[in-house]
PDB file of N, CA and C in Angstrom:
ATOM      1  N   UNK A   1       0.775  -1.018  -0.159  1.00  0.00           N
ATOM      2  CA  UNK A   1      -0.073   0.022  -0.394  1.00  0.00           C
ATOM      3  C   UNK A   1       0.950   1.534  -0.193  1.00  0.00           C
ATOM      4  N   UNK A   2       0.965   1.920  -1.165  1.00  0.00           N
ATOM      5  CA  UNK A   2       1.865   3.379  -1.187  1.00  0.00           C
ATOM      6  C   UNK A   2       1.014   4.483  -0.481  1.00  0.00           C
ATOM      7  N   UNK A   3      -0.427   4.454   0.074  1.00  0.00           N
ATOM      8  CA  UNK A   3      -0.376   5.452   0.875  1.00  0.00           C
ATOM      9  C   UNK A   3      -0.469   5.167   2.171  1.00  0.00           C
ATOM     10  N   UNK A   4       0.443   4.387   2.602  1.00  0.00           N
ATOM     11  CA  UNK A   4       0.371   4.032   4.196  1.00  0.00           C
ATOM     12  C   UNK A   4       1.421   5.521   4.989  1.00  0.00           C
ATOM     13  N   UNK A   5       0.603   5.828   6.445  1.00  0.00           N
ATOM     14  CA  UNK A   5       1.543   6.518   6.930  1.00  0.00           C
ATOM     15  C   UNK A   5       2.294   5.808   8.151  1.00  0.00           C
ATOM     16  N   UNK A   6       3.143   5.876   8.550  1.00  0.00           N
ATOM     17  CA  UNK A   6       3.530   5.551  10.043  1.00  0.00           C
ATOM     18  C   UNK A   6       3.893   6.440  10.748  1.00  0.00           C
ATOM     19  N   UNK A   7       3.384   6.415  11.896  1.00  0.00           N
ATOM     20  CA  UNK A   7       3.162   7.577  13.282  1.00  0.00           C
ATOM     21  C   UNK A   7       4.255   6.828  14.385  1.00  0.00           C
ATOM     22  N   UNK A   8       5.593   7.728  14.471  1.00  0.00           N
ATOM     23  CA  UNK A   8       6.509   7.483  15.562  1.00  0.00           C
ATOM     24  C   UNK A   8       6.484   8.624  16.553  1.00  0.00           C
ATOM     25  N   UNK A   9       6.711   7.894  17.828  1.00  0.00           N
ATOM     26  CA  UNK A   9       7.007   9.098  19.000  1.00  0.00           C
ATOM     27  C   UNK A   9       8.678   8.760  19.444  1.00  0.00           C
ATOM     28  N   UNK A  10       8.967  10.210  18.977  1.00  0.00           N
ATOM     29  CA  UNK A  10      10.645  10.112  19.236  1.00  0.00           C
ATOM     30  C   UNK A  10      11.042  11.016  20.251  1.00  0.00           C
ATOM     31  N   UNK A  11      12.206  10.966  20.923  1.00  0.00           N
ATOM     32  CA  UNK A  11      12.773  11.796  21.729  1.00  0.00           C
ATOM     33  C   UNK A  11      13.350  12.975  20.745  1.00  0.00           C
ATOM     34  N   UNK A  12      13.346  14.148  21.628  1.00  0.00           N
ATOM     35  CA  UNK A  12      13.290  15.368  20.663  1.00  0.00           C
ATOM     36  C   UNK A  12      15.017  15.425  20.462  1.00  0.00           C
ATOM     37  N   UNK A  13      15.752  15.441  21.474  1.00  0.00           N
ATOM     38  CA  UNK A  13      17.205  14.953  21.321  1.00  0.00           C
ATOM     39  C   UNK A  13      17.852  14.010  20.144  1.00  0.00           C
ATOM     40  N   UNK A  14      16.697  12.878  19.825  1.00  0.00           N
ATOM     41  CA  UNK A  14      17.590  11.950  19.066  1.00  0.00           C
ATOM     42  C   UNK A  14      17.142  12.405  17.364  1.00  0.00           C
ATOM     43  N   UNK A  15      16.926  13.445  17.054  1.00  0.00           N
ATOM     44  CA  UNK A  15      16.103  14.172  15.956  1.00  0.00           C
ATOM     45  C   UNK A  15      16.506  15.566  15.438  1.00  0.00           C
ATOM     46  N   UNK A  16      16.660  16.102  16.629  1.00  0.00           N
ATOM     47  CA  UNK A  16      17.382  17.552  16.618  1.00  0.00           C
ATOM     48  C   UNK A  16      18.522  18.072  16.977  1.00  0.00           C
ATOM     49  N   UNK A  17      19.349  18.604  16.887  1.00  0.00           N
ATOM     50  CA  UNK A  17      20.440  19.067  17.116  1.00  0.00           C
ATOM     51  C   UNK A  17      20.302  20.377  18.202  1.00  0.00           C
ATOM     52  N   UNK A  18      20.678  20.250  19.482  1.00  0.00           N
ATOM     53  CA  UNK A  18      20.471  21.349  20.291  1.00  0.00           C
ATOM     54  C   UNK A  18      22.218  22.110  20.852  1.00  0.00           C
ATOM     55  N   UNK A  19      22.187  23.333  20.624  1.00  0.00           N
ATOM     56  CA  UNK A  19      23.313  24.217  21.080  1.00  0.00           C
ATOM     57  C   UNK A  19      23.162  24.230  22.475  1.00  0.00           C
ATOM     58  N   UNK A  20      22.019  24.563  23.134  1.00  0.00           N
ATOM     59  CA  UNK A  20      21.391  25.164  24.172  1.00  0.00           C
ATOM     60  C   UNK A  20      20.772  23.689  24.972  1.00  0.00           C
ATOM     61  N   UNK A  21      20.181  24.377  25.881  1.00  0.00           N
ATOM     62  CA  UNK A  21      19.084  23.306  26.766  1.00  0.00           C
ATOM     63  C   UNK A  21      17.777  23.161  25.970  1.00  0.00           C
ATOM     64  N   UNK A  22      17.372  23.997  25.539  1.00  0.00           N
ATOM     65  CA  UNK A  22      16.164  24.258  24.593  1.00  0.00           C
ATOM     66  C   UNK A  22      15.898  24.600  23.008  1.00  0.00           C
ATOM     67  N   UNK A  23      15.347  24.313  22.206  1.00  0.00           N
ATOM     68  CA  UNK A  23      15.316  24.846  21.037  1.00  0.00           C
ATOM     69  C   UNK A  23      13.889  25.849  20.757  1.00  0.00           C
ATOM     70  N   UNK A  24      13.861  26.844  20.255  1.00  0.00           N
ATOM     71  CA  UNK A  24      12.365  27.865  20.146  1.00  0.00           C
ATOM     72  C   UNK A  24      12.270  28.100  18.958  1.00  0.00           C
ATOM     73  N   UNK A  25      10.708  27.915  18.589  1.00  0.00           N
ATOM     74  CA  UNK A  25      10.027  28.126  17.287  1.00  0.00           C
ATOM     75  C   UNK A  25       9.083  29.165  17.508  1.00  0.00           C
ATOM     76  N   UNK A  26       9.062  29.985  16.680  1.00  0.00           N
ATOM     77  CA  UNK A  26       8.157  31.449  16.809  1.00  0.00           C
ATOM     78  C   UNK A  26       6.682  30.987  16.839  1.00  0.00           C
ATOM     79  N   UNK A  27       6.359  29.781  16.289  1.00  0.00           N
ATOM     80  CA  UNK A  27       4.868  29.282  16.186  1.00  0.00           C
ATOM     81  C   UNK A  27       4.838  27.935  15.503  1.00  0.00           C
ATOM     82  N   UNK A  28       3.556  27.282  15.795  1.00  0.00           N
ATOM     83  CA  UNK A  28       3.670  25.939  15.486  1.00  0.00           C
ATOM     84  C   UNK A  28       3.941  25.877  14.114  1.00  0.00           C
ATOM     85  N   UNK A  29       3.804  26.542  12.860  1.00  0.00           N
ATOM     86  CA  UNK A  29       3.789  26.222  11.747  1.00  0.00           C
ATOM     87  C   UNK A  29       5.324  26.213  11.519  1.00  0.00           C
ATOM     88  N   UNK A  30       6.318  27.182  12.272  1.00  0.00           N
ATOM     89  CA  UNK A  30       7.515  27.355  11.579  1.00  0.00           C
ATOM     90  C   UNK A  30       8.141  25.857  12.224  1.00  0.00           C
ATOM     91  N   UNK A  31       8.085  25.086  13.239  1.00  0.00           N
ATOM     92  CA  UNK A  31       8.324  23.783  13.619  1.00  0.00           C
ATOM     93  C   UNK A  31       7.853  23.157  12.785  1.00  0.00           C
ATOM     94  N   UNK A  32       6.387  22.728  12.651  1.00  0.00           N
ATOM     95  CA  UNK A  32       6.192  21.960  11.451  1.00  0.00           C
ATOM     96  C   UNK A  32       7.001  22.165  10.003  1.00  0.00           C
ATOM     97  N   UNK A  33       7.174  23.037   9.722  1.00  0.00           N
ATOM     98  CA  UNK A  33       7.998  23.490   8.246  1.00  0.00           C
ATOM     99  C   UNK A  33       9.187  23.020   8.663  1.00  0.00           C
ATOM    100  N   UNK A  34       9.849  23.534   9.486  1.00  0.00           N
ATOM    101  CA  UNK A  34      11.613  23.085   9.828  1.00  0.00           C
ATOM    102  C   UNK A  34      11.597  21.935   9.620  1.00  0.00           C
ATOM    103  N   UNK A  35      10.721  21.158  10.295  1.00  0.00           N
ATOM    104  CA  UNK A  35      11.085  19.646  10.713  1.00  0.00           C
ATOM    105  C   UNK A  35      10.794  18.995   9.284  1.00  0.00           C
ATOM    106  N   UNK A  36       9.570  19.217   8.468  1.00  0.00           N
ATOM    107  CA  UNK A  36       9.149  18.678   7.362  1.00  0.00           C
ATOM    108  C   UNK A  36      10.535  19.020   6.250  1.00  0.00           C
ATOM    109  N   UNK A  37      10.946  20.046   5.829  1.00  0.00           N
ATOM    110  CA  UNK A  37      12.038  20.389   4.987  1.00  0.00           C
ATOM    111  C   UNK A  37      13.058  19.881   5.494  1.00  0.00           C
ATOM    112  N   UNK A  38      13.599  19.782   6.753  1.00  0.00           N
ATOM    113  CA  UNK A  38      14.842  19.090   7.211  1.00  0.00           C
ATOM    114  C   UNK A  38      14.859  17.551   7.061  1.00  0.00           C
ATOM    115  N   UNK A  39      13.778  16.911   6.658  1.00  0.00           N
ATOM    116  CA  UNK A  39      13.667  15.585   6.634  1.00  0.00           C
ATOM    117  C   UNK A  39      13.270  15.369   5.238  1.00  0.00           C
ATOM    118  N   UNK A  40      13.651  16.405   4.400  1.00  0.00           N
ATOM    119  CA  UNK A  40      13.748  16.186   2.580  1.00  0.00           C
ATOM    120  C   UNK A  40      12.318  15.903   2.735  1.00  0.00           C
ATOM    121  N   UNK A  41      11.416  16.430   3.174  1.00  0.00           N
ATOM    122  CA  UNK A  41       9.910  16.119   3.171  1.00  0.00           C
ATOM    123  C   UNK A  41       9.347  14.827   3.287  1.00  0.00           C
ATOM    124  N   UNK A  42       9.932  13.998   3.955  1.00  0.00           N
ATOM    125  CA  UNK A  42       9.556  12.398   4.310  1.00  0.00           C
ATOM    126  C   UNK A  42       9.205  12.566   5.544  1.00  0.00           C
ATOM    127  N   UNK A  43       8.674  13.364   6.410  1.00  0.00           N
ATOM    128  CA  UNK A  43       8.710  13.293   7.553  1.00  0.00           C
ATOM    129  C   UNK A  43       7.589  14.619   8.210  1.00  0.00           C
ATOM    130  N   UNK A  44       6.606  14.392   9.023  1.00  0.00           N
ATOM    131  CA  UNK A  44       5.840  15.768   9.232  1.00  0.00           C
ATOM    132  C   UNK A  44       5.629  15.501  11.079  1.00  0.00           C
ATOM    133  N   UNK A  45       6.047  16.461  11.521  1.00  0.00           N
ATOM    134  CA  UNK A  45       5.804  16.514  12.640  1.00  0.00           C
ATOM    135  C   UNK A  45       4.210  17.255  13.255  1.00  0.00           C
ATOM    136  N   UNK A  46       3.515  16.270  13.644  1.00  0.00           N
ATOM    137  CA  UNK A  46       1.929  16.467  14.225  1.00  0.00           C
ATOM    138  C   UNK A  46       1.643  16.906  15.363  1.00  0.00           C
ATOM    139  N   UNK A  47       2.532  16.627  16.441  1.00  0.00           N
ATOM    140  CA  UNK A  47       2.452  16.849  17.844  1.00  0.00           C
ATOM    141  C   UNK A  47       3.623  16.798  18.822  1.00  0.00           C
ATOM    142  N   UNK A  48       3.419  17.098  19.676  1.00  0.00           N
ATOM    143  CA  UNK A  48       4.423  17.478  20.966  1.00  0.00           C
ATOM    144  C   UNK A  48       3.848  16.707  22.459  1.00  0.00           C
ATOM    145  N   UNK A  49       4.926  15.785  23.127  1.00  0.00           N
ATOM    146  CA  UNK A  49       4.558  15.360  24.169  1.00  0.00           C
ATOM    147  C   UNK A  49       5.810  15.852  25.450  1.00  0.00           C
ATOM    148  N   UNK A  50       5.231  16.926  26.347  1.00  0.00           N
ATOM    149  CA  UNK A  50       5.904  17.256  26.911  1.00  0.00           C
ATOM    150  C   UNK A  50       6.552  16.254  28.211  1.00  0.00           C
ATOM    151  N   UNK A  51       7.931  16.363  28.088  1.00  0.00           N
ATOM    152  CA  UNK A  51       8.582  15.456  29.597  1.00  0.00           C
ATOM    153  C   UNK A  51       7.348  15.652  30.646  1.00  0.00           C
ATOM    154  N   UNK A  52       7.064  14.742  31.344  1.00  0.00           N
ATOM    155  CA  UNK A  52       6.180  14.583  32.618  1.00  0.00           C
ATOM    156  C   UNK A  52       4.738  15.009  32.443  1.00  0.00           C
ATOM    157  N   UNK A  53       4.523  15.099  31.048  1.00  0.00           N
ATOM    158  CA  UNK A  53       2.897  15.493  30.869  1.00  0.00           C
ATOM    159  C   UNK A  53       2.256  14.168  30.332  1.00  0.00           C
ATOM    160  N   UNK A  54       1.283  14.284  30.526  1.00  0.00           N
ATOM    161  CA  UNK A  54      -0.028  13.089  29.728  1.00  0.00           C
ATOM    162  C   UNK A  54      -0.233  13.308  28.601  1.00  0.00           C
ATOM    163  N   UNK A  55      -0.671  14.621  28.236  1.00  0.00           N
ATOM    164  CA  UNK A  55      -1.353  15.381  27.119  1.00  0.00           C
ATOM    165  C   UNK A  55      -0.441  15.618  26.088  1.00  0.00           C
ATOM    166  N   UNK A  56      -0.776  15.285  24.666  1.00  0.00           N
ATOM    167  CA  UNK A  56      -0.363  15.375  23.451  1.00  0.00           C
ATOM    168  C   UNK A  56      -0.637  16.332  22.966  1.00  0.00           C
ATOM    169  N   UNK A  57       0.542  17.564  22.553  1.00  0.00           N
ATOM    170  CA  UNK A  57       0.065  18.608  22.016  1.00  0.00           C
ATOM    171  C   UNK A  57      -0.027  19.067  20.310  1.00  0.00           C
ATOM    172  N   UNK A  58      -1.249  18.726  19.984  1.00  0.00           N
ATOM    173  CA  UNK A  58      -1.529  18.880  18.491  1.00  0.00           C
ATOM    174  C   UNK A  58      -1.103  19.646  17.669  1.00  0.00           C
ATOM    175  N   UNK A  59      -0.204  19.996  16.865  1.00  0.00           N
ATOM    176  CA  UNK A  59      -0.023  20.950  15.881  1.00  0.00           C
ATOM    177  C   UNK A  59      -0.487  21.680  14.739  1.00  0.00           C
ATOM    178  N   UNK A  60      -1.989  20.976  14.709  1.00  0.00           N
ATOM    179  CA  UNK A  60      -2.725  21.198  13.477  1.00  0.00           C
ATOM    180  C   UNK A  60      -3.626  22.325  13.912  1.00  0.00           C
ATOM    181  N   UNK A  61      -3.548  23.216  14.955  1.00  0.00           N
ATOM    182  CA  UNK A  61      -4.853  24.451  14.895  1.00  0.00           C
ATOM    183  C   UNK A  61      -3.846  25.601  15.244  1.00  0.00           C
ATOM    184  N   UNK A  62      -4.440  26.688  14.890  1.00  0.00           N
ATOM    185  CA  UNK A  62      -3.660  27.736  15.356  1.00  0.00           C
ATOM    186  C   UNK A  62      -2.435  27.989  14.617  1.00  0.00           C
ATOM    187  N   UNK A  63      -1.743  27.137  13.608  1.00  0.00           N
ATOM    188  CA  UNK A  63      -0.827  27.037  13.170  1.00  0.00           C
ATOM    189  C   UNK A  63       0.123  28.258  13.243  1.00  0.00           C
ATOM    190  N   UNK A  64      -0.391  29.197  12.636  1.00  0.00           N
ATOM    191  CA  UNK A  64       0.570  30.549  12.547  1.00  0.00           C
ATOM    192  C   UNK A  64       0.377  31.529  13.692  1.00  0.00           C
ATOM    193  N   UNK A  65      -0.232  31.104  14.618  1.00  0.00           N
ATOM    194  CA  UNK A  65      -0.512  31.924  15.720  1.00  0.00           C
ATOM    195  C   UNK A  65       0.822  32.408  16.624  1.00  0.00           C
ATOM    196  N   UNK A  66       1.156  33.742  16.733  1.00  0.00           N
ATOM    197  CA  UNK A  66       2.737  34.210  17.319  1.00  0.00           C
ATOM    198  C   UNK A  66       2.442  33.673  18.615  1.00  0.00           C
ATOM    199  N   UNK A  67       3.183  32.179  19.116  1.00  0.00           N
ATOM    200  CA  UNK A  67       3.068  31.772  20.238  1.00  0.00           C
ATOM    201  C   UNK A  67       4.504  30.979  20.259  1.00  0.00           C
ATOM    202  N   UNK A  68       5.687  31.031  21.315  1.00  0.00           N
ATOM    203  CA  UNK A  68       6.876  30.561  21.241  1.00  0.00           C
ATOM    204  C   UNK A  68       6.652  29.110  21.527  1.00  0.00           C
ATOM    205  N   UNK A  69       6.954  28.331  20.573  1.00  0.00           N
ATOM    206  CA  UNK A  69       7.116  27.108  21.156  1.00  0.00           C
ATOM    207  C   UNK A  69       8.688  26.235  21.508  1.00  0.00           C
ATOM    208  N   UNK A  70       8.785  25.821  22.509  1.00  0.00           N
ATOM    209  CA  UNK A  70       9.930  25.742  23.039  1.00  0.00           C
ATOM    210  C   UNK A  70       9.992  23.877  23.746  1.00  0.00           C
ATOM    211  N   UNK A  71      11.365  23.430  22.802  1.00  0.00           N
ATOM    212  CA  UNK A  71      11.211  21.963  23.132  1.00  0.00           C
ATOM    213  C   UNK A  71      12.410  21.728  23.863  1.00  0.00           C
ATOM    214  N   UNK A  72      12.269  20.941  24.827  1.00  0.00           N
ATOM    215  CA  UNK A  72      13.562  20.245  25.654  1.00  0.00           C
ATOM    216  C   UNK A  72      13.919  19.001  25.108  1.00  0.00           C
ATOM    217  N   UNK A  73      15.165  18.827  25.673  1.00  0.00           N
ATOM    218  CA  UNK A  73      15.733  17.744  24.863  1.00  0.00           C
ATOM    219  C   UNK A  73      15.281  15.945  25.005  1.00  0.00           C
ATOM    220  N   UNK A  74      14.397  16.174  26.135  1.00  0.00           N
ATOM    221  CA  UNK A  74      13.637  14.902  26.835  1.00  0.00           C
ATOM    222  C   UNK A  74      11.908  15.056  26.429  1.00  0.00           C
ATOM    223  N   UNK A  75      11.427  16.059  25.770  1.00  0.00           N
ATOM    224  CA  UNK A  75      10.279  16.050  25.142  1.00  0.00           C
ATOM    225  C   UNK A  75      10.041  14.835  24.149  1.00  0.00           C
ATOM    226  N   UNK A  76       9.234  14.594  23.310  1.00  0.00           N
ATOM    227  CA  UNK A  76       8.670  13.861  22.569  1.00  0.00           C
ATOM    228  C   UNK A  76       8.116  14.109  21.226  1.00  0.00           C
ATOM    229  N   UNK A  77       8.452  13.926  20.062  1.00  0.00           N
ATOM    230  CA  UNK A  77       7.734  14.387  19.054  1.00  0.00           C
ATOM    231  C   UNK A  77       6.848  13.414  18.278  1.00  0.00           C
ATOM    232  N   UNK A  78       5.743  13.735  17.800  1.00  0.00           N
ATOM    233  CA  UNK A  78       4.851  12.397  17.085  1.00  0.00           C
ATOM    234  C   UNK A  78       4.959  13.284  15.767  1.00  0.00           C
ATOM    235  N   UNK A  79       5.641  11.730  14.796  1.00  0.00           N
ATOM    236  CA  UNK A  79       6.063  12.107  13.638  1.00  0.00           C
ATOM    237  C   UNK A  79       5.216  11.051  12.814  1.00  0.00           C
ATOM    238  N   UNK A  80       4.819  11.728  11.535  1.00  0.00           N
ATOM    239  CA  UNK A  80       3.966  11.168  10.854  1.00  0.00           C
ATOM    240  C   UNK A  80       5.318  10.866   9.346  1.00  0.00           C
ATOM    241  N   UNK A  81       5.115   9.839   9.020  1.00  0.00           N
ATOM    242  CA  UNK A  81       6.253   9.439   7.758  1.00  0.00           C
ATOM    243  C   UNK A  81       5.563   8.761   6.458  1.00  0.00           C
ATOM    244  N   UNK A  82       5.694   9.139   5.389  1.00  0.00           N
ATOM    245  CA  UNK A  82       4.961   8.367   4.436  1.00  0.00           C
ATOM    246  C   UNK A  82       5.557   7.251   3.955  1.00  0.00           C
ATOM    247  N   UNK A  83       5.316   6.199   4.151  1.00  0.00           N
ATOM    248  CA  UNK A  83       5.854   5.158   4.294  1.00  0.00           C
ATOM    249  C   UNK A  83       5.588   4.617   2.723  1.00  0.00           C
TER     250      UNK A  83
END
């Protein structure tokens, strides 16, 4: 099936390079687009699960609202990969 999508949950520090303790994005769409293009359009970040929290923050609403998205090394990303 060529239309399959795989979902993965990965630790932020396993897929992004940190120069400090956190990474910041100006809005959800900046995070999603940065990840999409960095993965050569193979993978899309659709959510963030913060360390110690139960809820997943999905990135599909109010994507261009100016709100700083801060990721720490132990947060997790929910990734959709086109198989």
